[in-house]
């Protein structure tokens, strides 16, 4: 199963938006049977960079 999560931080300049995105991704990774979690930040001044970093494929 693949899940897509979108969230909007409390402010377009929220200083913890990246941490929130990683916290969501890490929590989703603990769900049994979940193959992949895609997390997208919306409405933040750096949403493109945050989304790219959070959803970057891990190299093995």
PDB file of N, CA and C in Angstrom:
ATOM      1  N   UNK A   1       0.846  -1.173   0.000  1.00  0.00           N
ATOM      2  CA  UNK A   1       0.000   0.000   0.000  1.00  0.00           C
ATOM      3  C   UNK A   1       0.893   1.239   0.000  1.00  0.00           C
ATOM      4  N   UNK A   2       0.504   2.231  -0.767  1.00  0.00           N
ATOM      5  CA  UNK A   2       1.181   3.525  -0.824  1.00  0.00           C
ATOM      6  C   UNK A   2       0.190   4.572  -0.341  1.00  0.00           C
ATOM      7  N   UNK A   3       0.658   5.484   0.497  1.00  0.00           N
ATOM      8  CA  UNK A   3      -0.215   6.537   1.013  1.00  0.00           C
ATOM      9  C   UNK A   3       0.404   7.899   0.696  1.00  0.00           C
ATOM     10  N   UNK A   4      -0.470   8.872   0.435  1.00  0.00           N
ATOM     11  CA  UNK A   4      -0.050  10.247   0.175  1.00  0.00           C
ATOM     12  C   UNK A   4      -0.654  11.121   1.265  1.00  0.00           C
ATOM     13  N   UNK A   5       0.193  11.888   1.939  1.00  0.00           N
ATOM     14  CA  UNK A   5      -0.260  12.768   3.014  1.00  0.00           C
ATOM     15  C   UNK A   5       0.101  14.201   2.641  1.00  0.00           C
ATOM     16  N   UNK A   6      -0.860  15.096   2.714  1.00  0.00           N
ATOM     17  CA  UNK A   6      -0.619  16.513   2.493  1.00  0.00           C
ATOM     18  C   UNK A   6      -0.941  17.254   3.785  1.00  0.00           C
ATOM     19  N   UNK A   7      -0.106  18.236   4.114  1.00  0.00           N
ATOM     20  CA  UNK A   7      -0.383  19.046   5.297  1.00  0.00           C
ATOM     21  C   UNK A   7      -0.036  20.500   5.005  1.00  0.00           C
ATOM     22  N   UNK A   8      -0.661  21.384   5.751  1.00  0.00           N
ATOM     23  CA  UNK A   8      -0.406  22.818   5.639  1.00  0.00           C
ATOM     24  C   UNK A   8       0.113  23.289   6.992  1.00  0.00           C
ATOM     25  N   UNK A   9       1.338  23.803   7.039  1.00  0.00           N
ATOM     26  CA  UNK A   9       1.853  24.311   8.313  1.00  0.00           C
ATOM     27  C   UNK A   9       1.080  25.559   8.753  1.00  0.00           C
ATOM     28  N   UNK A  10       1.272  25.928   9.986  1.00  0.00           N
ATOM     29  CA  UNK A  10       0.503  27.039  10.559  1.00  0.00           C
ATOM     30  C   UNK A  10       0.823  28.390   9.929  1.00  0.00           C
ATOM     31  N   UNK A  11       1.946  28.485   9.234  1.00  0.00           N
ATOM     32  CA  UNK A  11       2.359  29.738   8.614  1.00  0.00           C
ATOM     33  C   UNK A  11       3.188  29.430   7.371  1.00  0.00           C
ATOM     34  N   UNK A  12       3.151  30.293   6.361  1.00  0.00           N
ATOM     35  CA  UNK A  12       3.993  30.081   5.181  1.00  0.00           C
ATOM     36  C   UNK A  12       5.487  30.147   5.511  1.00  0.00           C
ATOM     37  N   UNK A  13       5.809  30.670   6.671  1.00  0.00           N
ATOM     38  CA  UNK A  13       7.200  30.795   7.107  1.00  0.00           C
ATOM     39  C   UNK A  13       7.506  29.899   8.300  1.00  0.00           C
ATOM     40  N   UNK A  14       6.667  28.917   8.551  1.00  0.00           N
ATOM     41  CA  UNK A  14       6.817  28.018   9.701  1.00  0.00           C
ATOM     42  C   UNK A  14       8.239  27.453   9.755  1.00  0.00           C
ATOM     43  N   UNK A  15       8.960  27.689  10.853  1.00  0.00           N
ATOM     44  CA  UNK A  15      10.345  27.229  10.933  1.00  0.00           C
ATOM     45  C   UNK A  15      10.495  25.720  11.140  1.00  0.00           C
ATOM     46  N   UNK A  16       9.409  25.028  11.466  1.00  0.00           N
ATOM     47  CA  UNK A  16       9.526  23.584  11.704  1.00  0.00           C
ATOM     48  C   UNK A  16       8.798  22.750  10.647  1.00  0.00           C
ATOM     49  N   UNK A  17       8.526  23.337   9.494  1.00  0.00           N
ATOM     50  CA  UNK A  17       7.793  22.616   8.443  1.00  0.00           C
ATOM     51  C   UNK A  17       8.530  21.353   8.004  1.00  0.00           C
ATOM     52  N   UNK A  18       9.853  21.430   7.849  1.00  0.00           N
ATOM     53  CA  UNK A  18      10.608  20.242   7.437  1.00  0.00           C
ATOM     54  C   UNK A  18      10.531  19.165   8.514  1.00  0.00           C
ATOM     55  N   UNK A  19      10.675  19.560   9.772  1.00  0.00           N
ATOM     56  CA  UNK A  19      10.588  18.589  10.873  1.00  0.00           C
ATOM     57  C   UNK A  19       9.201  17.948  10.909  1.00  0.00           C
ATOM     58  N   UNK A  20       8.163  18.735  10.723  1.00  0.00           N
ATOM     59  CA  UNK A  20       6.804  18.181  10.696  1.00  0.00           C
ATOM     60  C   UNK A  20       6.659  17.154   9.576  1.00  0.00           C
ATOM     61  N   UNK A  21       7.173  17.487   8.402  1.00  0.00           N
ATOM     62  CA  UNK A  21       7.084  16.566   7.267  1.00  0.00           C
ATOM     63  C   UNK A  21       7.816  15.264   7.566  1.00  0.00           C
ATOM     64  N   UNK A  22       8.998  15.351   8.162  1.00  0.00           N
ATOM     65  CA  UNK A  22       9.758  14.142   8.497  1.00  0.00           C
ATOM     66  C   UNK A  22       9.066  13.344   9.596  1.00  0.00           C
ATOM     67  N   UNK A  23       8.474  14.024  10.562  1.00  0.00           N
ATOM     68  CA  UNK A  23       7.739  13.329  11.625  1.00  0.00           C
ATOM     69  C   UNK A  23       6.561  12.540  11.044  1.00  0.00           C
ATOM     70  N   UNK A  24       5.855  13.143  10.098  1.00  0.00           N
ATOM     71  CA  UNK A  24       4.732  12.450   9.450  1.00  0.00           C
ATOM     72  C   UNK A  24       5.247  11.242   8.678  1.00  0.00           C
ATOM     73  N   UNK A  25       6.327  11.420   7.927  1.00  0.00           N
ATOM     74  CA  UNK A  25       6.888  10.319   7.135  1.00  0.00           C
ATOM     75  C   UNK A  25       7.355   9.183   8.050  1.00  0.00           C
ATOM     76  N   UNK A  26       8.033   9.513   9.134  1.00  0.00           N
ATOM     77  CA  UNK A  26       8.517   8.490  10.067  1.00  0.00           C
ATOM     78  C   UNK A  26       7.367   7.764  10.756  1.00  0.00           C
ATOM     79  N   UNK A  27       6.311   8.477  11.104  1.00  0.00           N
ATOM     80  CA  UNK A  27       5.146   7.833  11.721  1.00  0.00           C
ATOM     81  C   UNK A  27       4.472   6.894  10.726  1.00  0.00           C
ATOM     82  N   UNK A  28       4.363   7.327   9.487  1.00  0.00           N
ATOM     83  CA  UNK A  28       3.741   6.488   8.459  1.00  0.00           C
ATOM     84  C   UNK A  28       4.560   5.229   8.213  1.00  0.00           C
ATOM     85  N   UNK A  29       5.874   5.338   8.317  1.00  0.00           N
ATOM     86  CA  UNK A  29       6.750   4.183   8.077  1.00  0.00           C
ATOM     87  C   UNK A  29       6.504   3.062   9.084  1.00  0.00           C
ATOM     88  N   UNK A  30       5.910   3.382  10.212  1.00  0.00           N
ATOM     89  CA  UNK A  30       5.643   2.384  11.254  1.00  0.00           C
ATOM     90  C   UNK A  30       4.332   1.621  11.035  1.00  0.00           C
ATOM     91  N   UNK A  31       3.549   2.044  10.055  1.00  0.00           N
ATOM     92  CA  UNK A  31       2.270   1.385   9.778  1.00  0.00           C
ATOM     93  C   UNK A  31       2.529   0.051   9.092  1.00  0.00           C
ATOM     94  N   UNK A  32       1.999  -1.001   9.671  1.00  0.00           N
ATOM     95  CA  UNK A  32       2.184  -2.347   9.127  1.00  0.00           C
ATOM     96  C   UNK A  32       1.551  -2.442   7.740  1.00  0.00           C
ATOM     97  N   UNK A  33       2.300  -2.979   6.793  1.00  0.00           N
ATOM     98  CA  UNK A  33       1.791  -3.189   5.441  1.00  0.00           C
ATOM     99  C   UNK A  33       1.977  -2.011   4.505  1.00  0.00           C
ATOM    100  N   UNK A  34       2.455  -0.889   5.034  1.00  0.00           N
ATOM    101  CA  UNK A  34       2.656   0.285   4.190  1.00  0.00           C
ATOM    102  C   UNK A  34       3.972   0.154   3.442  1.00  0.00           C
ATOM    103  N   UNK A  35       3.908   0.227   2.132  1.00  0.00           N
ATOM    104  CA  UNK A  35       5.100   0.090   1.299  1.00  0.00           C
ATOM    105  C   UNK A  35       5.824   1.424   1.143  1.00  0.00           C
ATOM    106  N   UNK A  36       5.047   2.505   1.005  1.00  0.00           N
ATOM    107  CA  UNK A  36       5.644   3.811   0.742  1.00  0.00           C
ATOM    108  C   UNK A  36       4.717   4.915   1.225  1.00  0.00           C
ATOM    109  N   UNK A  37       5.307   5.964   1.789  1.00  0.00           N
ATOM    110  CA  UNK A  37       4.543   7.139   2.205  1.00  0.00           C
ATOM    111  C   UNK A  37       5.115   8.361   1.498  1.00  0.00           C
ATOM    112  N   UNK A  38       4.267   9.086   0.831  1.00  0.00           N
ATOM    113  CA  UNK A  38       4.656  10.337   0.192  1.00  0.00           C
ATOM    114  C   UNK A  38       4.043  11.466   1.002  1.00  0.00           C
ATOM    115  N   UNK A  39       4.879  12.401   1.434  1.00  0.00           N
ATOM    116  CA  UNK A  39       4.422  13.496   2.287  1.00  0.00           C
ATOM    117  C   UNK A  39       4.651  14.812   1.547  1.00  0.00           C
ATOM    118  N   UNK A  40       3.609  15.625   1.482  1.00  0.00           N
ATOM    119  CA  UNK A  40       3.691  16.894   0.773  1.00  0.00           C
ATOM    120  C   UNK A  40       3.267  18.047   1.670  1.00  0.00           C
ATOM    121  N   UNK A  41       4.144  19.024   1.777  1.00  0.00           N
ATOM    122  CA  UNK A  41       3.870  20.269   2.489  1.00  0.00           C
ATOM    123  C   UNK A  41       3.231  21.226   1.484  1.00  0.00           C
ATOM    124  N   UNK A  42       2.181  21.900   1.886  1.00  0.00           N
ATOM    125  CA  UNK A  42       1.497  22.863   1.017  1.00  0.00           C
ATOM    126  C   UNK A  42       1.447  24.232   1.704  1.00  0.00           C
ATOM    127  N   UNK A  43       1.556  25.282   0.921  1.00  0.00           N
ATOM    128  CA  UNK A  43       1.392  26.629   1.454  1.00  0.00           C
ATOM    129  C   UNK A  43       2.582  27.170   2.218  1.00  0.00           C
ATOM    130  N   UNK A  44       3.759  26.600   2.026  1.00  0.00           N
ATOM    131  CA  UNK A  44       4.969  27.074   2.703  1.00  0.00           C
ATOM    132  C   UNK A  44       5.883  27.704   1.664  1.00  0.00           C
ATOM    133  N   UNK A  45       6.632  28.723   2.054  1.00  0.00           N
ATOM    134  CA  UNK A  45       7.497  29.405   1.092  1.00  0.00           C
ATOM    135  C   UNK A  45       8.578  28.485   0.510  1.00  0.00           C
ATOM    136  N   UNK A  46       8.896  27.391   1.189  1.00  0.00           N
ATOM    137  CA  UNK A  46       9.910  26.453   0.703  1.00  0.00           C
ATOM    138  C   UNK A  46       9.315  25.070   0.442  1.00  0.00           C
ATOM    139  N   UNK A  47       8.040  25.017   0.087  1.00  0.00           N
ATOM    140  CA  UNK A  47       7.382  23.717  -0.060  1.00  0.00           C
ATOM    141  C   UNK A  47       8.053  22.834  -1.108  1.00  0.00           C
ATOM    142  N   UNK A  48       8.530  23.387  -2.193  1.00  0.00           N
ATOM    143  CA  UNK A  48       9.164  22.565  -3.228  1.00  0.00           C
ATOM    144  C   UNK A  48      10.410  21.869  -2.684  1.00  0.00           C
ATOM    145  N   UNK A  49      11.255  22.615  -1.987  1.00  0.00           N
ATOM    146  CA  UNK A  49      12.474  22.035  -1.428  1.00  0.00           C
ATOM    147  C   UNK A  49      12.156  21.007  -0.345  1.00  0.00           C
ATOM    148  N   UNK A  50      11.197  21.318   0.510  1.00  0.00           N
ATOM    149  CA  UNK A  50      10.803  20.390   1.575  1.00  0.00           C
ATOM    150  C   UNK A  50      10.287  19.095   0.965  1.00  0.00           C
ATOM    151  N   UNK A  51       9.404  19.203  -0.008  1.00  0.00           N
ATOM    152  CA  UNK A  51       8.826  18.015  -0.640  1.00  0.00           C
ATOM    153  C   UNK A  51       9.889  17.163  -1.325  1.00  0.00           C
ATOM    154  N   UNK A  52      10.836  17.807  -1.991  1.00  0.00           N
ATOM    155  CA  UNK A  52      11.909  17.061  -2.652  1.00  0.00           C
ATOM    156  C   UNK A  52      12.759  16.306  -1.633  1.00  0.00           C
ATOM    157  N   UNK A  53      13.128  16.973  -0.540  1.00  0.00           N
ATOM    158  CA  UNK A  53      13.985  16.330   0.463  1.00  0.00           C
ATOM    159  C   UNK A  53      13.269  15.193   1.181  1.00  0.00           C
ATOM    160  N   UNK A  54      12.034  15.421   1.565  1.00  0.00           N
ATOM    161  CA  UNK A  54      11.291  14.421   2.334  1.00  0.00           C
ATOM    162  C   UNK A  54      10.984  13.180   1.500  1.00  0.00           C
ATOM    163  N   UNK A  55      10.724  13.366   0.226  1.00  0.00           N
ATOM    164  CA  UNK A  55      10.320  12.244  -0.622  1.00  0.00           C
ATOM    165  C   UNK A  55      11.451  11.675  -1.465  1.00  0.00           C
ATOM    166  N   UNK A  56      12.661  12.125  -1.203  1.00  0.00           N
ATOM    167  CA  UNK A  56      13.819  11.614  -1.936  1.00  0.00           C
ATOM    168  C   UNK A  56      13.997  10.128  -1.625  1.00  0.00           C
ATOM    169  N   UNK A  57      14.221   9.339  -2.671  1.00  0.00           N
ATOM    170  CA  UNK A  57      14.423   7.896  -2.493  1.00  0.00           C
ATOM    171  C   UNK A  57      15.722   7.649  -1.731  1.00  0.00           C
ATOM    172  N   UNK A  58      15.656   6.757  -0.773  1.00  0.00           N
ATOM    173  CA  UNK A  58      16.843   6.369  -0.015  1.00  0.00           C
ATOM    174  C   UNK A  58      17.716   5.461  -0.866  1.00  0.00           C
ATOM    175  N   UNK A  59      19.010   5.725  -0.883  1.00  0.00           N
ATOM    176  CA  UNK A  59      19.922   4.844  -1.607  1.00  0.00           C
ATOM    177  C   UNK A  59      20.312   3.697  -0.707  1.00  0.00           C
ATOM    178  N   UNK A  60      20.368   2.500  -1.288  1.00  0.00           N
ATOM    179  CA  UNK A  60      20.692   1.308  -0.498  1.00  0.00           C
ATOM    180  C   UNK A  60      22.134   0.932  -0.645  1.00  0.00           C
TER     181      UNK A  60
END
